[in-house]
Amino acid sequence: PHGRFVYRQLHSSRYEEGANKAWDLASEGVIAISGGNGSLGLVFGNWLLGRAEKQRDSSGGQYQPRFSIQFLSRSAKISDQNMGLWVKVQQKAAELGVKVEQGRMDMSSQAGVDKCIKEITPNLMGFIHSAGVLQDAMLPNQTWEKFEAVYDSKHRAALYLHDSLDRFQNPNLQFLWLFSSTSAYGNMGQ
């Protein structure tokens, strides 16, 4: 009532039971990660490989991961800062027999997203949308162009992706994870 924003914390315990259900990776298919050459994409690739390794070990070797992970970005280039993460992903994938590759994907238009999804269809088993553009600045220094750059890579790209997945049927799609570009806590300017 006084015009202030108040951040409200909620206890997560009521949601954790549903979130902690058993979930297994399919042995075959393609997992695509937009923003795949960024830190978040590489961390998730490594996490997926670790999950596949645990699933293989807990099954006594009956589960053999034969899926592939496509790390997608506009440039398909790994920065020097992220090269260590990429090497770790490649090593773990080689140990498991999982194919990992850098690929190009333009998420700035419906046509670009359609092209990529159409190439993967009907083998897509999961998509992680971790692409993003940093435009951190204090509110007085923000411009509409900075907002547009962030929306193009996150919000609009997610809409294009949703529309594309609606039109191109992937019967084995297990998950679609989207990540926000808005921070409630974080660095100044976020």
C-alpha atoms as a PDB file:
ATOM      1  CA  PRO A   1       0.000   0.000   0.000  1.00  0.00           C
ATOM      2  CA  HIS A   2       2.993   2.347   0.357  1.00  0.00           C
ATOM      3  CA  GLY A   3       4.411   1.761  -3.123  1.00  0.00           C
ATOM      4  CA  ARG A   4       7.352  -0.403  -2.019  1.00  0.00           C
ATOM      5  CA  PHE A   5       8.416  -3.731  -3.399  1.00  0.00           C
ATOM      6  CA  VAL A   6       8.653  -6.366  -0.695  1.00  0.00           C
ATOM      7  CA  TYR A   7      10.394  -9.616  -1.546  1.00  0.00           C
ATOM      8  CA  ARG A   8       8.476 -12.472   0.049  1.00  0.00           C
ATOM      9  CA  GLN A   9      10.143 -15.749   0.908  1.00  0.00           C
ATOM     10  CA  LEU A  10       8.107 -18.932   0.739  1.00  0.00           C
ATOM     11  CA  HIS A  11       8.998 -22.214   2.366  1.00  0.00           C
ATOM     12  CA  SER A  12       9.760 -24.763  -0.318  1.00  0.00           C
ATOM     13  CA  SER A  13       8.942 -27.859   1.727  1.00  0.00           C
ATOM     14  CA  ARG A  14       5.410 -28.151   0.356  1.00  0.00           C
ATOM     15  CA  TYR A  15       6.797 -28.280  -3.204  1.00  0.00           C
ATOM     16  CA  GLU A  16       9.817 -30.488  -2.574  1.00  0.00           C
ATOM     17  CA  GLU A  17       7.882 -33.761  -2.322  1.00  0.00           C
ATOM     18  CA  GLY A  18       6.573 -33.409  -5.866  1.00  0.00           C
ATOM     19  CA  ALA A  19       9.919 -32.214  -7.180  1.00  0.00           C
ATOM     20  CA  ASN A  20      11.879 -35.115  -5.702  1.00  0.00           C
ATOM     21  CA  LYS A  21      10.132 -37.863  -7.636  1.00  0.00           C
ATOM     22  CA  ALA A  22      12.330 -40.409  -9.380  1.00  0.00           C
ATOM     23  CA  TRP A  23      13.282 -39.297 -12.850  1.00  0.00           C
ATOM     24  CA  ASP A  24      15.384 -41.285 -15.280  1.00  0.00           C
ATOM     25  CA  LEU A  25      17.020 -40.161 -18.489  1.00  0.00           C
ATOM     26  CA  ALA A  26      16.010 -42.068 -21.590  1.00  0.00           C
ATOM     27  CA  SER A  27      18.883 -44.026 -23.084  1.00  0.00           C
ATOM     28  CA  GLU A  28      18.413 -42.640 -26.611  1.00  0.00           C
ATOM     29  CA  GLY A  29      17.554 -39.288 -28.101  1.00  0.00           C
ATOM     30  CA  VAL A  30      18.884 -35.742 -28.233  1.00  0.00           C
ATOM     31  CA  ILE A  31      19.125 -33.202 -25.438  1.00  0.00           C
ATOM     32  CA  ALA A  32      19.523 -29.658 -26.752  1.00  0.00           C
ATOM     33  CA  ILE A  33      20.896 -26.823 -24.629  1.00  0.00           C
ATOM     34  CA  SER A  34      20.515 -23.262 -25.926  1.00  0.00           C
ATOM     35  CA  GLY A  35      23.264 -21.018 -24.630  1.00  0.00           C
ATOM     36  CA  GLY A  36      25.251 -24.231 -24.589  1.00  0.00           C
ATOM     37  CA  ASN A  37      28.663 -22.593 -24.719  1.00  0.00           C
ATOM     38  CA  GLY A  38      27.906 -20.447 -21.659  1.00  0.00           C
ATOM     39  CA  SER A  39      28.607 -21.418 -18.075  1.00  0.00           C
ATOM     40  CA  LEU A  40      25.007 -22.416 -17.249  1.00  0.00           C
ATOM     41  CA  GLY A  41      24.679 -24.602 -20.356  1.00  0.00           C
ATOM     42  CA  LEU A  42      27.978 -26.344 -19.680  1.00  0.00           C
ATOM     43  CA  VAL A  43      27.160 -26.875 -16.002  1.00  0.00           C
ATOM     44  CA  PHE A  44      23.863 -28.498 -16.975  1.00  0.00           C
ATOM     45  CA  GLY A  45      25.561 -30.667 -19.583  1.00  0.00           C
ATOM     46  CA  ASN A  46      27.959 -31.903 -16.929  1.00  0.00           C
ATOM     47  CA  TRP A  47      25.070 -32.465 -14.495  1.00  0.00           C
ATOM     48  CA  LEU A  48      23.153 -34.522 -17.097  1.00  0.00           C
ATOM     49  CA  LEU A  49      26.219 -36.668 -17.722  1.00  0.00           C
ATOM     50  CA  GLY A  50      26.658 -37.191 -13.978  1.00  0.00           C
ATOM     51  CA  ARG A  51      23.025 -38.221 -13.708  1.00  0.00           C
ATOM     52  CA  ALA A  52      23.460 -40.711 -16.576  1.00  0.00           C
ATOM     53  CA  GLU A  53      26.541 -42.128 -14.868  1.00  0.00           C
ATOM     54  CA  LYS A  54      24.655 -42.619 -11.574  1.00  0.00           C
ATOM     55  CA  GLN A  55      21.732 -44.192 -13.444  1.00  0.00           C
ATOM     56  CA  ARG A  56      24.099 -46.606 -15.223  1.00  0.00           C
ATOM     57  CA  ASP A  57      25.873 -47.534 -12.001  1.00  0.00           C
ATOM     58  CA  SER A  58      22.675 -48.005  -9.971  1.00  0.00           C
ATOM     59  CA  SER A  59      21.233 -50.267 -12.686  1.00  0.00           C
ATOM     60  CA  GLY A  60      24.265 -52.535 -12.555  1.00  0.00           C
ATOM     61  CA  GLY A  61      25.140 -51.563 -16.112  1.00  0.00           C
ATOM     62  CA  GLN A  62      21.743 -52.373 -17.633  1.00  0.00           C
ATOM     63  CA  TYR A  63      21.177 -48.705 -18.471  1.00  0.00           C
ATOM     64  CA  GLN A  64      23.614 -47.616 -21.163  1.00  0.00           C
ATOM     65  CA  PRO A  65      23.371 -43.950 -22.169  1.00  0.00           C
ATOM     66  CA  ARG A  66      23.359 -43.608 -25.951  1.00  0.00           C
ATOM     67  CA  PHE A  67      21.806 -40.153 -26.120  1.00  0.00           C
ATOM     68  CA  SER A  68      23.600 -37.081 -27.424  1.00  0.00           C
ATOM     69  CA  ILE A  69      23.796 -33.541 -26.100  1.00  0.00           C
ATOM     70  CA  GLN A  70      23.863 -30.599 -28.487  1.00  0.00           C
ATOM     71  CA  PHE A  71      25.308 -27.443 -26.959  1.00  0.00           C
ATOM     72  CA  LEU A  72      23.698 -24.781 -29.144  1.00  0.00           C
ATOM     73  CA  SER A  73      24.609 -21.118 -29.580  1.00  0.00           C
ATOM     74  CA  ARG A  74      24.872 -18.481 -32.272  1.00  0.00           C
ATOM     75  CA  SER A  75      28.671 -18.749 -32.450  1.00  0.00           C
ATOM     76  CA  ALA A  76      29.291 -22.412 -31.509  1.00  0.00           C
ATOM     77  CA  LYS A  77      32.522 -21.188 -29.894  1.00  0.00           C
ATOM     78  CA  ILE A  78      33.715 -21.780 -26.338  1.00  0.00           C
ATOM     79  CA  SER A  79      35.346 -18.842 -24.583  1.00  0.00           C
ATOM     80  CA  ASP A  80      38.697 -19.288 -22.883  1.00  0.00           C
ATOM     81  CA  GLN A  81      36.898 -18.758 -19.562  1.00  0.00           C
ATOM     82  CA  ASN A  82      34.581 -21.740 -20.206  1.00  0.00           C
ATOM     83  CA  MET A  83      37.083 -24.045 -21.938  1.00  0.00           C
ATOM     84  CA  GLY A  84      37.810 -25.941 -18.708  1.00  0.00           C
ATOM     85  CA  LEU A  85      34.097 -26.762 -18.308  1.00  0.00           C
ATOM     86  CA  TRP A  86      33.871 -27.911 -21.940  1.00  0.00           C
ATOM     87  CA  VAL A  87      36.912 -30.204 -21.551  1.00  0.00           C
ATOM     88  CA  LYS A  88      35.324 -31.719 -18.417  1.00  0.00           C
ATOM     89  CA  VAL A  89      32.063 -32.337 -20.329  1.00  0.00           C
ATOM     90  CA  GLN A  90      33.939 -33.952 -23.229  1.00  0.00           C
ATOM     91  CA  GLN A  91      35.918 -36.240 -20.909  1.00  0.00           C
ATOM     92  CA  LYS A  92      32.874 -37.416 -18.971  1.00  0.00           C
ATOM     93  CA  ALA A  93      30.903 -37.946 -22.199  1.00  0.00           C
ATOM     94  CA  ALA A  94      33.727 -40.022 -23.698  1.00  0.00           C
ATOM     95  CA  GLU A  95      33.822 -42.209 -20.573  1.00  0.00           C
ATOM     96  CA  LEU A  96      30.067 -42.834 -20.908  1.00  0.00           C
ATOM     97  CA  GLY A  97      29.928 -43.189 -24.696  1.00  0.00           C
ATOM     98  CA  VAL A  98      27.679 -40.126 -25.027  1.00  0.00           C
ATOM     99  CA  LYS A  99      28.099 -37.866 -28.049  1.00  0.00           C
ATOM    100  CA  VAL A 100      28.496 -34.163 -27.238  1.00  0.00           C
ATOM    101  CA  GLU A 101      28.860 -31.434 -29.827  1.00  0.00           C
ATOM    102  CA  GLN A 102      28.761 -27.685 -30.266  1.00  0.00           C
ATOM    103  CA  GLY A 103      26.189 -26.530 -32.801  1.00  0.00           C
ATOM    104  CA  ARG A 104      24.647 -23.353 -34.136  1.00  0.00           C
ATOM    105  CA  MET A 105      21.158 -22.170 -33.290  1.00  0.00           C
ATOM    106  CA  ASP A 106      19.670 -18.733 -33.868  1.00  0.00           C
ATOM    107  CA  MET A 107      16.937 -18.191 -31.288  1.00  0.00           C
ATOM    108  CA  SER A 108      16.289 -14.603 -32.365  1.00  0.00           C
ATOM    109  CA  SER A 109      13.575 -15.604 -34.849  1.00  0.00           C
ATOM    110  CA  GLN A 110      10.841 -18.196 -35.224  1.00  0.00           C
ATOM    111  CA  ALA A 111      12.469 -19.394 -38.443  1.00  0.00           C
ATOM    112  CA  GLY A 112      15.805 -19.970 -36.684  1.00  0.00           C
ATOM    113  CA  VAL A 113      14.223 -21.987 -33.878  1.00  0.00           C
ATOM    114  CA  ASP A 114      12.046 -23.939 -36.325  1.00  0.00           C
ATOM    115  CA  LYS A 115      15.108 -24.867 -38.389  1.00  0.00           C
ATOM    116  CA  CYS A 116      16.919 -26.346 -35.398  1.00  0.00           C
ATOM    117  CA  ILE A 117      13.919 -28.159 -33.899  1.00  0.00           C
ATOM    118  CA  LYS A 118      12.951 -29.555 -37.311  1.00  0.00           C
ATOM    119  CA  GLU A 119      16.465 -31.005 -37.727  1.00  0.00           C
ATOM    120  CA  ILE A 120      16.266 -32.755 -34.326  1.00  0.00           C
ATOM    121  CA  THR A 121      12.631 -33.948 -34.667  1.00  0.00           C
ATOM    122  CA  PRO A 122      11.449 -36.627 -33.764  1.00  0.00           C
ATOM    123  CA  ASN A 123      14.483 -37.436 -31.577  1.00  0.00           C
ATOM    124  CA  LEU A 124      14.333 -34.552 -29.093  1.00  0.00           C
ATOM    125  CA  MET A 125      14.119 -35.903 -25.536  1.00  0.00           C
ATOM    126  CA  GLY A 126      14.865 -32.689 -23.656  1.00  0.00           C
ATOM    127  CA  PHE A 127      15.531 -28.994 -24.108  1.00  0.00           C
ATOM    128  CA  ILE A 128      17.268 -26.650 -21.679  1.00  0.00           C
ATOM    129  CA  HIS A 129      16.850 -22.971 -22.585  1.00  0.00           C
ATOM    130  CA  SER A 130      19.808 -21.313 -20.875  1.00  0.00           C
ATOM    131  CA  ALA A 131      20.616 -18.719 -23.535  1.00  0.00           C
ATOM    132  CA  GLY A 132      20.801 -15.154 -22.351  1.00  0.00           C
ATOM    133  CA  VAL A 133      22.383 -11.761 -22.714  1.00  0.00           C
ATOM    134  CA  LEU A 134      23.757  -9.811 -19.760  1.00  0.00           C
ATOM    135  CA  GLN A 135      22.687  -6.172 -19.704  1.00  0.00           C
ATOM    136  CA  ASP A 136      23.198  -5.390 -16.017  1.00  0.00           C
ATOM    137  CA  ALA A 137      22.837  -1.725 -15.090  1.00  0.00           C
ATOM    138  CA  MET A 138      21.251   0.355 -12.386  1.00  0.00           C
ATOM    139  CA  LEU A 139      17.708   1.349 -13.300  1.00  0.00           C
ATOM    140  CA  PRO A 140      18.534   4.973 -14.224  1.00  0.00           C
ATOM    141  CA  ASN A 141      21.163   3.637 -16.652  1.00  0.00           C
ATOM    142  CA  GLN A 142      18.922   1.067 -18.330  1.00  0.00           C
ATOM    143  CA  THR A 143      17.710   1.731 -21.848  1.00  0.00           C
ATOM    144  CA  TRP A 144      14.919   0.230 -23.872  1.00  0.00           C
ATOM    145  CA  GLU A 145      17.536  -1.282 -26.191  1.00  0.00           C
ATOM    146  CA  LYS A 146      19.045  -3.196 -23.237  1.00  0.00           C
ATOM    147  CA  PHE A 147      15.615  -4.510 -22.233  1.00  0.00           C
ATOM    148  CA  GLU A 148      14.989  -5.596 -25.841  1.00  0.00           C
ATOM    149  CA  ALA A 149      18.332  -7.446 -26.002  1.00  0.00           C
ATOM    150  CA  VAL A 150      17.466  -9.413 -22.854  1.00  0.00           C
ATOM    151  CA  TYR A 151      13.901 -10.122 -24.019  1.00  0.00           C
ATOM    152  CA  ASP A 152      15.111 -11.298 -27.443  1.00  0.00           C
ATOM    153  CA  SER A 153      17.365 -13.954 -25.956  1.00  0.00           C
ATOM    154  CA  LYS A 154      15.063 -15.131 -23.139  1.00  0.00           C
ATOM    155  CA  HIS A 155      11.392 -14.270 -23.424  1.00  0.00           C
ATOM    156  CA  ARG A 156      10.871 -14.138 -27.185  1.00  0.00           C
ATOM    157  CA  ALA A 157      13.155 -17.120 -27.734  1.00  0.00           C
ATOM    158  CA  ALA A 158      11.099 -19.134 -25.215  1.00  0.00           C
ATOM    159  CA  LEU A 159       7.907 -18.240 -27.092  1.00  0.00           C
ATOM    160  CA  TYR A 160       9.474 -19.288 -30.396  1.00  0.00           C
ATOM    161  CA  LEU A 161      10.619 -22.536 -28.801  1.00  0.00           C
ATOM    162  CA  HIS A 162       7.192 -23.287 -27.329  1.00  0.00           C
ATOM    163  CA  ASP A 163       5.530 -22.641 -30.687  1.00  0.00           C
ATOM    164  CA  SER A 164       8.051 -24.811 -32.512  1.00  0.00           C
ATOM    165  CA  LEU A 165       7.614 -27.706 -30.076  1.00  0.00           C
ATOM    166  CA  ASP A 166       3.867 -27.442 -30.587  1.00  0.00           C
ATOM    167  CA  ARG A 167       4.222 -27.844 -34.353  1.00  0.00           C
ATOM    168  CA  PHE A 168       7.044 -30.417 -34.543  1.00  0.00           C
ATOM    169  CA  GLN A 169       6.064 -33.556 -32.654  1.00  0.00           C
ATOM    170  CA  ASN A 170       8.721 -35.145 -30.466  1.00  0.00           C
ATOM    171  CA  PRO A 171       6.953 -38.054 -28.749  1.00  0.00           C
ATOM    172  CA  ASN A 172       9.854 -38.774 -26.386  1.00  0.00           C
ATOM    173  CA  LEU A 173      10.213 -35.223 -25.068  1.00  0.00           C
ATOM    174  CA  GLN A 174      10.719 -35.621 -21.304  1.00  0.00           C
ATOM    175  CA  PHE A 175      11.533 -32.085 -20.242  1.00  0.00           C
ATOM    176  CA  LEU A 176      11.662 -28.433 -21.236  1.00  0.00           C
ATOM    177  CA  TRP A 177      13.519 -26.289 -18.711  1.00  0.00           C
ATOM    178  CA  LEU A 178      13.524 -22.506 -18.971  1.00  0.00           C
ATOM    179  CA  PHE A 179      15.698 -20.178 -16.921  1.00  0.00           C
ATOM    180  CA  SER A 180      14.763 -16.669 -15.908  1.00  0.00           C
ATOM    181  CA  SER A 181      16.857 -13.630 -16.663  1.00  0.00           C
ATOM    182  CA  THR A 182      15.480 -11.742 -13.684  1.00  0.00           C
ATOM    183  CA  SER A 183      17.194 -11.805 -10.320  1.00  0.00           C
ATOM    184  CA  ALA A 184      15.594 -10.998  -6.997  1.00  0.00           C
ATOM    185  CA  TYR A 185      18.998 -11.187  -5.338  1.00  0.00           C
ATOM    186  CA  GLY A 186      22.317 -10.942  -7.090  1.00  0.00           C
ATOM    187  CA  ASN A 187      24.831  -8.404  -8.246  1.00  0.00           C
ATOM    188  CA  MET A 188      23.981  -4.737  -8.169  1.00  0.00           C
ATOM    189  CA  GLY A 189      22.305  -3.899 -11.450  1.00  0.00           C
ATOM    190  CA  GLN A 190      20.629  -7.245 -11.909  1.00  0.00           C
END
